[in-house]
Protein backbone atom coordinates (compact mmCIF):
# COMPACT_ATOMS: atom_id res chain seq x y z
CA MET A 1 -26.09 19.60 31.31
CA VAL A 2 -25.36 16.47 29.28
CA SER A 3 -28.19 14.88 27.34
CA GLN A 4 -28.93 11.15 27.20
CA ALA A 5 -27.75 11.02 23.55
CA GLU A 6 -24.37 12.45 24.49
CA VAL A 7 -24.06 10.03 27.42
CA ALA A 8 -24.87 7.11 25.11
CA GLU A 9 -22.32 8.35 22.54
CA ILE A 10 -19.61 8.66 25.22
CA ASN A 11 -20.41 5.19 26.59
CA THR A 12 -20.28 3.70 23.08
CA TYR A 13 -16.93 5.40 22.46
CA PHE A 14 -15.42 4.00 25.67
CA LYS A 15 -16.85 0.53 25.02
CA ASN A 16 -15.24 0.53 21.58
CA ARG A 17 -11.94 1.74 23.06
CA MET A 18 -12.09 -1.00 25.70
CA ALA A 19 -12.74 -3.63 23.02
CA GLU A 20 -9.74 -2.36 21.02
CA SER A 21 -7.56 -2.38 24.14
CA LYS A 22 -8.60 -5.93 25.01
CA LYS A 23 -7.80 -7.04 21.45
CA ILE A 24 -4.34 -5.47 21.72
CA TRP A 25 -3.74 -6.95 25.17
CA ALA A 26 -4.69 -10.40 23.82
CA THR A 27 -1.86 -10.19 21.27
CA ARG A 28 0.79 -9.64 23.94
CA GLY A 29 2.68 -12.24 25.91
CA LYS A 30 4.34 -15.55 25.19
CA ASP A 31 1.11 -17.52 24.66
CA ALA A 32 -0.18 -14.95 22.18
CA ARG A 33 3.11 -15.03 20.21
CA ILE A 34 2.97 -18.83 20.08
CA ALA A 35 -0.63 -18.70 18.85
CA ALA A 36 0.24 -16.08 16.22
CA ALA A 37 3.18 -18.15 14.97
CA ALA A 38 0.98 -21.25 14.78
CA ALA A 39 -1.64 -19.35 12.79
CA LYS A 40 1.02 -17.99 10.41
CA ALA A 41 2.79 -21.34 9.90
CA PRO A 42 0.53 -22.89 7.20
CA ALA A 43 0.64 -19.72 5.09
CA PRO A 44 3.18 -19.54 2.23
CA PRO A 45 6.37 -17.68 3.17
CA THR A 46 6.67 -13.99 2.38
CA TRP A 47 9.73 -12.68 0.56
CA ARG A 48 11.25 -11.70 3.90
CA GLN A 49 11.22 -15.33 5.01
CA LEU A 50 12.81 -16.67 1.81
CA LYS A 51 16.51 -17.59 1.73
CA GLY A 52 18.99 -18.72 -0.89
CA ILE A 53 17.76 -19.94 -4.26
CA PRO A 54 14.02 -19.35 -3.57
CA LEU A 55 14.78 -15.71 -2.71
CA MET A 56 16.90 -15.33 -5.84
CA ILE A 57 14.13 -16.79 -8.01
CA HIS A 58 11.62 -14.44 -6.38
CA GLU A 59 13.86 -11.45 -7.11
CA VAL A 60 14.37 -12.55 -10.73
CA LYS A 61 10.59 -12.66 -11.22
CA HIS A 62 10.09 -9.17 -9.76
CA VAL A 63 9.25 -6.61 -12.45
CA GLY A 64 11.50 -3.92 -11.00
CA ASN A 65 14.55 -6.15 -11.35
CA ARG A 66 14.06 -6.93 -15.05
CA PRO A 67 16.58 -4.35 -16.35
CA PHE A 68 19.16 -5.64 -13.88
CA MET A 69 18.46 -9.24 -14.86
CA VAL A 70 18.78 -8.43 -18.57
CA GLY A 71 22.14 -6.76 -17.89
CA PHE A 72 23.22 -9.66 -15.70
CA GLY A 73 22.28 -12.13 -18.45
CA VAL A 74 24.13 -10.18 -21.15
CA VAL A 75 27.27 -9.90 -19.02
CA SER A 76 27.06 -13.60 -18.07
CA LEU A 77 26.75 -14.66 -21.70
CA GLY A 78 29.61 -12.34 -22.66
CA VAL A 79 31.88 -13.77 -19.98
CA LEU A 80 30.94 -17.31 -20.96
CA TYR A 81 31.71 -16.53 -24.62
CA LEU A 82 35.07 -14.95 -23.73
CA GLN A 83 35.97 -17.85 -21.46
CA THR A 84 35.37 -20.35 -24.26
CA LYS A 85 37.60 -18.29 -26.61
CA PHE A 86 40.46 -18.06 -24.05
CA THR A 87 43.08 -20.27 -25.71
CA ASP A 88 46.09 -21.97 -24.12
CA GLU A 89 48.44 -19.46 -25.77
CA MET A 90 46.46 -16.60 -24.29
CA LYS A 91 46.61 -18.29 -20.86
CA LYS A 92 50.40 -18.61 -21.05
CA GLU A 93 50.75 -14.92 -22.00
CA SER A 94 48.44 -13.81 -19.17
CA LEU A 95 50.42 -12.77 -16.08
CA TYR A 96 47.59 -13.70 -13.71
CA TRP A 97 46.83 -17.06 -15.34
CA SER A 98 50.47 -18.06 -15.62
CA THR A 99 51.15 -17.03 -12.02
CA TYR A 100 48.25 -18.75 -10.29
CA HIS A 101 46.82 -21.41 -12.60
CA LEU A 102 49.45 -22.68 -15.01
CA LYS A 103 50.76 -26.08 -13.91
CA GLU A 104 54.34 -25.44 -15.14
CA ASN A 105 54.92 -22.48 -12.80
CA LYS A 106 53.28 -23.95 -9.68
CA ALA A 107 56.60 -24.79 -7.99
CA GLY A 108 57.95 -21.25 -8.38
CA HIS A 109 55.05 -19.43 -6.74
CA HIS A 110 53.15 -19.47 -3.43
């Protein structure tokens, strides 16, 4: 038959399972969600809760994005340099610039 030790072990197992189930049941329902949200509110936001500029700053600081950010910086500086060297003569010779941005040809297009 079953010994007292085995009965005690089985009872302990079921008591532990019941405690786990009660803990899970306590986290369900509208009141539990409201309590969980209230407990989480004072904590700093995780990256999933960030939006806009704070998210972008977080991503820039991330180690895995460093090669991308170096490339982005180099391309940005290159574009800025080229934009400063784009003279008025070059703008007039550019089909795109003369079509959409040059003030003289505004009446003829669009």
